[in-house]
Amino acid sequence: MIGLRLYMAQRITALLMAPFVLVHLGVMIYAIQGGLSAAEILGRTQGSVVWFLFYGSFTLAVAIHAAIGLRAIAYEWGGLKGPALEVGMWAVGVGLLCLGWYSVWAVTYGVAA
């Protein structure tokens, strides 16, 4: 049963990440084409609830998706099982989530360069 839930969670996060990636790539192309500097980009993202929610949600989906994928690799290639596998998956997921949300916070509410 847990395998089915993890499978579905990974597929759902993949579906969620697809539009996030497309928007992110579009924003990057727009910024490069416009010749925006890092300071100008931060000036546009500082204090933006929309960007905070967008990239915060993107980060959550990535953390879940990556942790489940790495869990499968650790099980199949690394031979991890039981509590070590579960603790490893949670550590990776929480670690990615913390690092990602720290970055999102810095870009949207941190001190501008």
N, C-alpha and C. Protein backbone atom coordinates (compact mmCIF):
# COMPACT_ATOMS: atom_id res chain seq x y z
N MET A 1 0.82 -1.21 0.00
CA MET A 1 0.00 0.00 0.00
C MET A 1 0.85 1.26 0.00
N ILE A 2 1.96 1.24 0.79
CA ILE A 2 2.82 2.42 0.83
C ILE A 2 3.48 2.65 -0.53
N GLY A 3 3.77 1.56 -1.23
CA GLY A 3 4.38 1.67 -2.56
C GLY A 3 3.46 2.39 -3.54
N LEU A 4 2.18 2.08 -3.48
CA LEU A 4 1.21 2.74 -4.35
C LEU A 4 1.11 4.22 -4.01
N ARG A 5 1.09 4.54 -2.74
CA ARG A 5 1.01 5.95 -2.32
C ARG A 5 2.23 6.74 -2.78
N LEU A 6 3.41 6.15 -2.63
CA LEU A 6 4.63 6.82 -3.07
C LEU A 6 4.62 6.98 -4.59
N TYR A 7 4.20 5.94 -5.29
CA TYR A 7 4.10 6.00 -6.75
C TYR A 7 3.18 7.14 -7.18
N MET A 8 2.01 7.20 -6.56
CA MET A 8 1.04 8.25 -6.92
C MET A 8 1.57 9.63 -6.55
N ALA A 9 2.20 9.75 -5.39
CA ALA A 9 2.75 11.04 -4.97
C ALA A 9 3.80 11.52 -5.96
N GLN A 10 4.64 10.60 -6.44
CA GLN A 10 5.67 11.02 -7.39
C GLN A 10 5.05 11.42 -8.72
N ARG A 11 4.05 10.70 -9.17
CA ARG A 11 3.41 11.05 -10.44
C ARG A 11 2.66 12.38 -10.33
N ILE A 12 1.99 12.60 -9.21
CA ILE A 12 1.25 13.86 -9.02
C ILE A 12 2.22 15.04 -8.95
N THR A 13 3.33 14.87 -8.23
CA THR A 13 4.30 15.97 -8.17
C THR A 13 4.92 16.23 -9.53
N ALA A 14 5.09 15.19 -10.34
CA ALA A 14 5.61 15.39 -11.70
C ALA A 14 4.61 16.23 -12.52
N LEU A 15 3.32 15.93 -12.37
CA LEU A 15 2.30 16.72 -13.08
C LEU A 15 2.30 18.17 -12.61
N LEU A 16 2.51 18.38 -11.33
CA LEU A 16 2.55 19.75 -10.80
C LEU A 16 3.81 20.49 -11.25
N MET A 17 4.93 19.78 -11.32
CA MET A 17 6.18 20.43 -11.67
C MET A 17 6.24 20.86 -13.12
N ALA A 18 5.56 20.18 -14.01
CA ALA A 18 5.63 20.51 -15.44
C ALA A 18 5.28 21.98 -15.71
N PRO A 19 4.14 22.50 -15.25
CA PRO A 19 3.88 23.91 -15.51
C PRO A 19 4.82 24.84 -14.73
N PHE A 20 5.26 24.43 -13.54
CA PHE A 20 6.23 25.24 -12.80
C PHE A 20 7.51 25.41 -13.60
N VAL A 21 7.99 24.31 -14.18
CA VAL A 21 9.23 24.35 -14.97
C VAL A 21 9.04 25.25 -16.19
N LEU A 22 7.91 25.12 -16.88
CA LEU A 22 7.67 25.94 -18.07
C LEU A 22 7.63 27.42 -17.72
N VAL A 23 6.94 27.77 -16.64
CA VAL A 23 6.89 29.19 -16.23
C VAL A 23 8.28 29.66 -15.83
N HIS A 24 9.01 28.84 -15.07
CA HIS A 24 10.35 29.21 -14.64
C HIS A 24 11.27 29.44 -15.84
N LEU A 25 11.23 28.54 -16.83
CA LEU A 25 12.03 28.72 -18.03
C LEU A 25 11.62 29.98 -18.79
N GLY A 26 10.33 30.24 -18.87
CA GLY A 26 9.85 31.45 -19.53
C GLY A 26 10.34 32.71 -18.84
N VAL A 27 10.32 32.71 -17.53
CA VAL A 27 10.80 33.87 -16.76
C VAL A 27 12.30 34.06 -16.98
N MET A 28 13.05 32.95 -16.99
CA MET A 28 14.49 33.05 -17.22
C MET A 28 14.79 33.60 -18.62
N ILE A 29 14.08 33.12 -19.62
CA ILE A 29 14.29 33.61 -20.99
C ILE A 29 13.94 35.09 -21.07
N TYR A 30 12.83 35.48 -20.45
CA TYR A 30 12.44 36.89 -20.41
C TYR A 30 13.52 37.74 -19.76
N ALA A 31 14.07 37.27 -18.65
CA ALA A 31 15.09 38.03 -17.93
C ALA A 31 16.37 38.16 -18.75
N ILE A 32 16.74 37.07 -19.43
CA ILE A 32 17.97 37.10 -20.24
C ILE A 32 17.77 37.99 -21.46
N GLN A 33 16.63 37.85 -22.12
CA GLN A 33 16.35 38.66 -23.30
C GLN A 33 16.28 40.14 -22.96
N GLY A 34 15.74 40.43 -21.77
CA GLY A 34 15.63 41.82 -21.33
C GLY A 34 16.93 42.38 -20.77
N GLY A 35 17.92 41.52 -20.61
CA GLY A 35 19.21 41.97 -20.10
C GLY A 35 19.15 42.39 -18.64
N LEU A 36 18.27 41.79 -17.87
CA LEU A 36 18.13 42.16 -16.46
C LEU A 36 19.33 41.68 -15.65
N SER A 37 19.78 42.51 -14.74
CA SER A 37 20.84 42.11 -13.82
C SER A 37 20.23 41.39 -12.63
N ALA A 38 21.08 40.75 -11.83
CA ALA A 38 20.59 40.07 -10.64
C ALA A 38 19.89 41.05 -9.71
N ALA A 39 20.43 42.23 -9.56
CA ALA A 39 19.82 43.25 -8.70
C ALA A 39 18.44 43.66 -9.21
N GLU A 40 18.30 43.77 -10.53
CA GLU A 40 17.00 44.13 -11.10
C GLU A 40 15.98 43.01 -10.90
N ILE A 41 16.44 41.78 -11.05
CA ILE A 41 15.54 40.64 -10.84
C ILE A 41 15.08 40.60 -9.38
N LEU A 42 16.03 40.76 -8.45
CA LEU A 42 15.66 40.78 -7.02
C LEU A 42 14.74 41.95 -6.71
N GLY A 43 14.96 43.06 -7.37
CA GLY A 43 14.08 44.22 -7.16
C GLY A 43 12.65 43.92 -7.56
N ARG A 44 12.47 43.05 -8.54
CA ARG A 44 11.12 42.70 -8.98
C ARG A 44 10.49 41.60 -8.14
N THR A 45 11.31 40.79 -7.49
CA THR A 45 10.76 39.68 -6.71
C THR A 45 10.60 40.02 -5.23
N GLN A 46 11.31 41.02 -4.73
CA GLN A 46 11.25 41.36 -3.31
C GLN A 46 9.83 41.75 -2.91
N GLY A 47 9.34 41.12 -1.86
CA GLY A 47 8.02 41.43 -1.32
C GLY A 47 6.86 40.88 -2.12
N SER A 48 7.12 40.05 -3.11
CA SER A 48 6.06 39.51 -3.95
C SER A 48 5.49 38.23 -3.36
N VAL A 49 4.24 38.30 -2.95
CA VAL A 49 3.55 37.11 -2.42
C VAL A 49 3.35 36.09 -3.54
N VAL A 50 3.11 36.56 -4.75
CA VAL A 50 2.88 35.66 -5.88
C VAL A 50 4.12 34.81 -6.15
N TRP A 51 5.29 35.45 -6.23
CA TRP A 51 6.52 34.69 -6.46
C TRP A 51 6.84 33.79 -5.28
N PHE A 52 6.55 34.25 -4.09
CA PHE A 52 6.78 33.43 -2.89
C PHE A 52 5.93 32.15 -2.95
N LEU A 53 4.67 32.29 -3.27
CA LEU A 53 3.78 31.13 -3.35
C LEU A 53 4.14 30.23 -4.54
N PHE A 54 4.48 30.84 -5.67
CA PHE A 54 4.85 30.06 -6.86
C PHE A 54 6.08 29.22 -6.58
N TYR A 55 7.18 29.85 -6.17
CA TYR A 55 8.41 29.11 -5.95
C TYR A 55 8.38 28.25 -4.69
N GLY A 56 7.59 28.65 -3.70
CA GLY A 56 7.42 27.82 -2.51
C GLY A 56 6.71 26.51 -2.86
N SER A 57 5.68 26.60 -3.69
CA SER A 57 4.96 25.40 -4.13
C SER A 57 5.84 24.53 -5.04
N PHE A 58 6.58 25.18 -5.90
CA PHE A 58 7.51 24.49 -6.79
C PHE A 58 8.53 23.71 -5.96
N THR A 59 9.07 24.35 -4.94
CA THR A 59 10.06 23.71 -4.07
C THR A 59 9.46 22.52 -3.33
N LEU A 60 8.25 22.65 -2.84
CA LEU A 60 7.59 21.54 -2.15
C LEU A 60 7.43 20.34 -3.08
N ALA A 61 6.96 20.59 -4.31
CA ALA A 61 6.78 19.50 -5.27
C ALA A 61 8.12 18.83 -5.60
N VAL A 62 9.16 19.63 -5.78
CA VAL A 62 10.48 19.08 -6.10
C VAL A 62 11.02 18.24 -4.95
N ALA A 63 10.88 18.73 -3.72
CA ALA A 63 11.39 18.00 -2.55
C ALA A 63 10.71 16.64 -2.42
N ILE A 64 9.41 16.59 -2.59
CA ILE A 64 8.68 15.32 -2.50
C ILE A 64 9.10 14.39 -3.63
N HIS A 65 9.11 14.92 -4.85
CA HIS A 65 9.44 14.13 -6.03
C HIS A 65 10.86 13.56 -5.94
N ALA A 66 11.80 14.39 -5.57
CA ALA A 66 13.20 13.95 -5.50
C ALA A 66 13.42 12.93 -4.38
N ALA A 67 12.81 13.15 -3.24
CA ALA A 67 12.99 12.22 -2.12
C ALA A 67 12.46 10.83 -2.47
N ILE A 68 11.32 10.78 -3.14
CA ILE A 68 10.76 9.48 -3.53
C ILE A 68 11.64 8.82 -4.59
N GLY A 69 12.13 9.60 -5.55
CA GLY A 69 13.01 9.05 -6.58
C GLY A 69 14.31 8.54 -6.00
N LEU A 70 14.91 9.29 -5.09
CA LEU A 70 16.15 8.85 -4.46
C LEU A 70 15.91 7.64 -3.56
N ARG A 71 14.72 7.55 -2.98
CA ARG A 71 14.38 6.38 -2.18
C ARG A 71 14.40 5.12 -3.04
N ALA A 72 13.83 5.22 -4.23
CA ALA A 72 13.82 4.08 -5.15
C ALA A 72 15.24 3.69 -5.55
N ILE A 73 16.08 4.68 -5.81
CA ILE A 73 17.47 4.39 -6.18
C ILE A 73 18.21 3.75 -5.01
N ALA A 74 18.02 4.29 -3.81
CA ALA A 74 18.70 3.72 -2.63
C ALA A 74 18.25 2.29 -2.37
N TYR A 75 17.00 1.99 -2.63
CA TYR A 75 16.48 0.63 -2.44
C TYR A 75 17.02 -0.32 -3.50
N GLU A 76 16.90 0.10 -4.78
CA GLU A 76 17.26 -0.79 -5.88
C GLU A 76 18.77 -0.94 -6.06
N TRP A 77 19.50 0.14 -5.97
CA TRP A 77 20.94 0.09 -6.22
C TRP A 77 21.76 -0.02 -4.95
N GLY A 78 21.28 0.64 -3.90
CA GLY A 78 22.05 0.67 -2.65
C GLY A 78 21.70 -0.44 -1.69
N GLY A 79 20.59 -1.10 -1.93
CA GLY A 79 20.18 -2.19 -1.06
C GLY A 79 19.67 -1.74 0.30
N LEU A 80 19.36 -0.46 0.47
CA LEU A 80 18.81 0.01 1.75
C LEU A 80 17.40 -0.51 1.92
N LYS A 81 17.07 -0.85 3.16
CA LYS A 81 15.73 -1.35 3.47
C LYS A 81 15.34 -0.88 4.86
N GLY A 82 14.07 -1.00 5.15
CA GLY A 82 13.56 -0.73 6.49
C GLY A 82 13.76 0.70 6.95
N PRO A 83 14.08 0.86 8.24
CA PRO A 83 14.20 2.20 8.82
C PRO A 83 15.27 3.07 8.16
N ALA A 84 16.39 2.48 7.74
CA ALA A 84 17.44 3.27 7.10
C ALA A 84 16.93 3.91 5.80
N LEU A 85 16.14 3.17 5.06
CA LEU A 85 15.57 3.68 3.82
C LEU A 85 14.59 4.81 4.11
N GLU A 86 13.72 4.60 5.08
CA GLU A 86 12.72 5.63 5.41
C GLU A 86 13.36 6.89 5.98
N VAL A 87 14.30 6.71 6.89
CA VAL A 87 14.99 7.87 7.48
C VAL A 87 15.75 8.63 6.41
N GLY A 88 16.40 7.90 5.52
CA GLY A 88 17.13 8.54 4.42
C GLY A 88 16.22 9.35 3.53
N MET A 89 15.05 8.78 3.18
CA MET A 89 14.10 9.49 2.33
C MET A 89 13.61 10.76 3.01
N TRP A 90 13.26 10.65 4.28
CA TRP A 90 12.77 11.82 5.00
C TRP A 90 13.86 12.87 5.16
N ALA A 91 15.09 12.44 5.40
CA ALA A 91 16.20 13.40 5.56
C ALA A 91 16.43 14.16 4.26
N VAL A 92 16.42 13.45 3.14
CA VAL A 92 16.61 14.11 1.85
C VAL A 92 15.45 15.06 1.58
N GLY A 93 14.23 14.60 1.78
CA GLY A 93 13.07 15.44 1.51
C GLY A 93 13.04 16.70 2.36
N VAL A 94 13.25 16.54 3.65
CA VAL A 94 13.23 17.69 4.56
C VAL A 94 14.41 18.62 4.27
N GLY A 95 15.58 18.03 3.97
CA GLY A 95 16.75 18.84 3.64
C GLY A 95 16.53 19.68 2.40
N LEU A 96 16.01 19.06 1.34
CA LEU A 96 15.72 19.81 0.12
C LEU A 96 14.67 20.89 0.35
N LEU A 97 13.66 20.55 1.13
CA LEU A 97 12.60 21.51 1.42
C LEU A 97 13.15 22.71 2.19
N CYS A 98 13.96 22.47 3.19
CA CYS A 98 14.54 23.56 3.98
C CYS A 98 15.45 24.44 3.13
N LEU A 99 16.32 23.82 2.35
CA LEU A 99 17.22 24.60 1.49
C LEU A 99 16.44 25.40 0.44
N GLY A 100 15.44 24.76 -0.15
CA GLY A 100 14.63 25.43 -1.17
C GLY A 100 13.83 26.58 -0.60
N TRP A 101 13.18 26.35 0.53
CA TRP A 101 12.38 27.43 1.12
C TRP A 101 13.25 28.56 1.64
N TYR A 102 14.45 28.24 2.09
CA TYR A 102 15.39 29.29 2.50
C TYR A 102 15.72 30.18 1.29
N SER A 103 15.94 29.55 0.15
CA SER A 103 16.24 30.30 -1.07
C SER A 103 15.04 31.13 -1.51
N VAL A 104 13.85 30.54 -1.46
CA VAL A 104 12.64 31.27 -1.84
C VAL A 104 12.46 32.48 -0.93
N TRP A 105 12.65 32.30 0.36
CA TRP A 105 12.53 33.40 1.31
C TRP A 105 13.56 34.49 1.00
N ALA A 106 14.78 34.09 0.70
CA ALA A 106 15.84 35.07 0.41
C ALA A 106 15.52 35.89 -0.84
N VAL A 107 14.97 35.24 -1.85
CA VAL A 107 14.67 35.94 -3.11
C VAL A 107 13.46 36.86 -2.97
N THR A 108 12.48 36.45 -2.16
CA THR A 108 11.25 37.25 -2.09
C THR A 108 11.19 38.20 -0.89
N TYR A 109 11.83 37.83 0.20
CA TYR A 109 11.74 38.69 1.40
C TYR A 109 13.08 39.03 2.02
N GLY A 110 14.17 38.50 1.44
CA GLY A 110 15.49 38.79 1.98
C GLY A 110 15.93 40.20 1.62
N VAL A 111 17.12 40.53 2.03
CA VAL A 111 17.68 41.86 1.76
C VAL A 111 18.17 41.89 0.32
N ALA A 112 17.75 42.89 -0.43
CA ALA A 112 18.18 43.01 -1.83
C ALA A 112 19.66 43.36 -1.90
N ALA A 113 20.30 42.87 -2.95
CA ALA A 113 21.75 43.12 -3.13
C ALA A 113 22.01 44.55 -3.53
